[in-house]
């Protein structure tokens, strides 16, 4: 089971790979659109920069990859 964490609570650490999700993006069975993508922010990004970038792309949920 994967539990996604909200960017409004805490931001992912810079330099770590995450799975980011836009749960409001409509997708269909015959669509190539995706709600999730793998991301990695530069290690020099601040928490504010990470949150701002994610919210600009409507990526409101995230989880670290293993």
N, C-alpha and C. Protein backbone atom coordinates (compact mmCIF):
# COMPACT_ATOMS: atom_id res chain seq x y z
N UNK A 1 0.83 -1.18 0.00
CA UNK A 1 0.00 0.00 0.00
C UNK A 1 0.88 1.25 0.00
N UNK A 2 0.56 2.21 -0.87
CA UNK A 2 1.30 3.46 -0.93
C UNK A 2 0.46 4.55 -0.30
N UNK A 3 1.06 5.27 0.61
CA UNK A 3 0.40 6.43 1.20
C UNK A 3 1.06 7.68 0.65
N UNK A 4 0.27 8.50 -0.04
CA UNK A 4 0.81 9.74 -0.57
C UNK A 4 0.77 10.82 0.50
N UNK A 5 1.74 11.68 0.50
CA UNK A 5 1.85 12.78 1.45
C UNK A 5 1.49 14.08 0.77
N UNK A 6 0.88 14.98 1.46
CA UNK A 6 0.44 16.24 0.88
C UNK A 6 1.53 17.29 0.95
N UNK A 7 1.67 18.10 -0.10
CA UNK A 7 2.66 19.18 -0.09
C UNK A 7 2.25 20.28 0.87
N UNK A 8 0.98 20.32 1.29
CA UNK A 8 0.56 21.35 2.23
C UNK A 8 1.03 21.03 3.64
N UNK A 9 1.41 19.79 3.90
CA UNK A 9 1.90 19.41 5.22
C UNK A 9 3.42 19.56 5.27
N UNK A 10 4.09 19.01 4.30
CA UNK A 10 5.55 19.06 4.23
C UNK A 10 5.97 18.84 2.78
N UNK A 11 7.11 19.34 2.45
CA UNK A 11 7.63 19.17 1.08
C UNK A 11 8.65 18.04 1.06
N UNK A 12 8.82 17.39 -0.11
CA UNK A 12 9.87 16.37 -0.19
C UNK A 12 11.25 17.01 -0.09
N UNK A 13 12.22 16.23 0.33
CA UNK A 13 13.59 16.73 0.45
C UNK A 13 14.20 16.89 -0.93
N UNK A 14 14.95 17.96 -1.10
CA UNK A 14 15.66 18.18 -2.36
C UNK A 14 16.69 17.07 -2.58
N UNK A 15 16.87 16.66 -3.83
CA UNK A 15 17.85 15.64 -4.15
C UNK A 15 17.33 14.22 -4.07
N UNK A 16 16.11 14.03 -3.55
CA UNK A 16 15.53 12.68 -3.48
C UNK A 16 14.51 12.50 -4.59
N UNK A 17 14.39 11.29 -5.09
CA UNK A 17 13.43 11.00 -6.15
C UNK A 17 12.06 10.73 -5.54
N UNK A 18 11.04 11.33 -6.16
CA UNK A 18 9.68 11.17 -5.65
C UNK A 18 8.74 10.78 -6.79
N UNK A 19 7.60 10.26 -6.41
CA UNK A 19 6.47 10.10 -7.33
C UNK A 19 5.51 11.21 -6.97
N UNK A 20 5.22 12.09 -7.94
CA UNK A 20 4.30 13.21 -7.71
C UNK A 20 3.01 12.94 -8.47
N UNK A 21 1.89 13.35 -7.88
CA UNK A 21 0.59 13.03 -8.46
C UNK A 21 -0.33 14.24 -8.49
N UNK A 22 -1.05 14.38 -9.61
CA UNK A 22 -2.14 15.35 -9.73
C UNK A 22 -3.43 14.53 -9.73
N UNK A 23 -4.07 14.36 -8.57
CA UNK A 23 -5.25 13.49 -8.48
C UNK A 23 -6.48 14.05 -9.17
N UNK A 24 -6.45 15.32 -9.54
CA UNK A 24 -7.61 15.93 -10.20
C UNK A 24 -7.54 15.85 -11.72
N UNK A 25 -6.42 15.40 -12.26
CA UNK A 25 -6.25 15.31 -13.71
C UNK A 25 -7.11 14.18 -14.26
N UNK A 26 -8.04 14.49 -15.16
CA UNK A 26 -8.90 13.44 -15.72
C UNK A 26 -8.11 12.54 -16.69
N UNK A 27 -8.26 11.26 -16.52
CA UNK A 27 -7.62 10.31 -17.42
C UNK A 27 -8.64 9.24 -17.79
N UNK A 28 -8.49 8.72 -18.98
CA UNK A 28 -9.37 7.65 -19.43
C UNK A 28 -8.57 6.41 -19.78
N UNK A 29 -9.27 5.32 -19.99
CA UNK A 29 -8.59 4.06 -20.31
C UNK A 29 -7.86 4.13 -21.64
N UNK A 30 -8.36 4.94 -22.58
CA UNK A 30 -7.74 5.04 -23.90
C UNK A 30 -6.87 6.28 -24.03
N UNK A 31 -6.50 6.88 -22.92
CA UNK A 31 -5.72 8.11 -22.92
C UNK A 31 -4.28 7.83 -22.53
N UNK A 32 -3.38 8.63 -23.09
CA UNK A 32 -1.97 8.51 -22.70
C UNK A 32 -1.63 9.49 -21.56
N UNK A 33 -2.62 10.25 -21.11
CA UNK A 33 -2.41 11.19 -20.01
C UNK A 33 -2.11 10.43 -18.73
N UNK A 34 -1.27 11.01 -17.91
CA UNK A 34 -0.88 10.39 -16.65
C UNK A 34 -1.14 11.35 -15.49
N UNK A 35 -1.53 10.79 -14.36
CA UNK A 35 -1.69 11.59 -13.15
C UNK A 35 -0.39 11.67 -12.37
N UNK A 36 0.51 10.72 -12.58
CA UNK A 36 1.74 10.65 -11.79
C UNK A 36 2.97 10.79 -12.67
N UNK A 37 4.04 11.26 -12.04
CA UNK A 37 5.34 11.27 -12.72
C UNK A 37 6.45 11.21 -11.68
N UNK A 38 7.59 10.71 -12.09
CA UNK A 38 8.75 10.63 -11.21
C UNK A 38 9.51 11.94 -11.35
N UNK A 39 9.89 12.52 -10.21
CA UNK A 39 10.59 13.81 -10.21
C UNK A 39 11.77 13.75 -9.25
N UNK A 40 12.75 14.60 -9.52
CA UNK A 40 13.87 14.78 -8.61
C UNK A 40 14.27 16.25 -8.68
N UNK A 41 14.23 16.93 -7.55
CA UNK A 41 14.60 18.33 -7.50
C UNK A 41 16.08 18.47 -7.17
N UNK A 42 16.71 19.50 -7.75
CA UNK A 42 18.13 19.76 -7.49
C UNK A 42 18.36 19.90 -5.99
N UNK A 43 19.49 19.42 -5.54
CA UNK A 43 19.77 19.39 -4.10
C UNK A 43 19.84 20.78 -3.48
N UNK A 44 19.99 21.82 -4.29
CA UNK A 44 20.05 23.19 -3.77
C UNK A 44 18.68 23.86 -3.67
N UNK A 45 17.62 23.20 -4.12
CA UNK A 45 16.28 23.78 -4.03
C UNK A 45 15.86 23.91 -2.57
N UNK A 46 15.18 25.00 -2.26
CA UNK A 46 14.62 25.18 -0.92
C UNK A 46 13.25 24.51 -0.87
N UNK A 47 12.75 24.31 0.34
CA UNK A 47 11.42 23.73 0.49
C UNK A 47 10.37 24.58 -0.21
N UNK A 48 10.49 25.89 -0.12
CA UNK A 48 9.53 26.79 -0.77
C UNK A 48 9.55 26.64 -2.29
N UNK A 49 10.76 26.50 -2.86
CA UNK A 49 10.88 26.32 -4.32
C UNK A 49 10.23 25.01 -4.76
N UNK A 50 10.43 23.96 -3.99
CA UNK A 50 9.86 22.66 -4.34
C UNK A 50 8.34 22.72 -4.30
N UNK A 51 7.79 23.28 -3.22
CA UNK A 51 6.33 23.38 -3.10
C UNK A 51 5.76 24.24 -4.22
N UNK A 52 6.39 25.38 -4.49
CA UNK A 52 5.91 26.27 -5.55
C UNK A 52 5.89 25.57 -6.90
N UNK A 53 6.98 24.86 -7.23
CA UNK A 53 7.06 24.16 -8.51
C UNK A 53 6.01 23.07 -8.62
N UNK A 54 5.82 22.30 -7.56
CA UNK A 54 4.84 21.23 -7.60
C UNK A 54 3.43 21.77 -7.75
N UNK A 55 3.11 22.81 -6.99
CA UNK A 55 1.76 23.36 -7.05
C UNK A 55 1.48 24.06 -8.39
N UNK A 56 2.52 24.62 -9.03
CA UNK A 56 2.34 25.20 -10.37
C UNK A 56 1.88 24.14 -11.36
N UNK A 57 2.34 22.92 -11.18
CA UNK A 57 1.97 21.80 -12.05
C UNK A 57 0.79 21.01 -11.51
N UNK A 58 0.12 21.53 -10.46
CA UNK A 58 -1.02 20.87 -9.82
C UNK A 58 -0.66 19.50 -9.26
N UNK A 59 0.58 19.34 -8.85
CA UNK A 59 1.02 18.09 -8.24
C UNK A 59 0.90 18.25 -6.73
N UNK A 60 -0.22 17.84 -6.19
CA UNK A 60 -0.51 18.10 -4.78
C UNK A 60 -0.20 16.92 -3.87
N UNK A 61 0.12 15.77 -4.44
CA UNK A 61 0.44 14.58 -3.63
C UNK A 61 1.79 14.03 -4.07
N UNK A 62 2.49 13.43 -3.12
CA UNK A 62 3.78 12.87 -3.46
C UNK A 62 4.18 11.77 -2.49
N UNK A 63 5.12 10.95 -2.94
CA UNK A 63 5.66 9.88 -2.11
C UNK A 63 7.09 9.62 -2.56
N UNK A 64 7.99 9.27 -1.63
CA UNK A 64 9.34 8.89 -2.02
C UNK A 64 9.31 7.55 -2.74
N UNK A 65 10.22 7.41 -3.69
CA UNK A 65 10.39 6.11 -4.34
C UNK A 65 11.32 5.26 -3.49
N UNK A 66 11.25 3.98 -3.66
CA UNK A 66 12.14 3.05 -2.94
C UNK A 66 13.02 2.34 -3.92
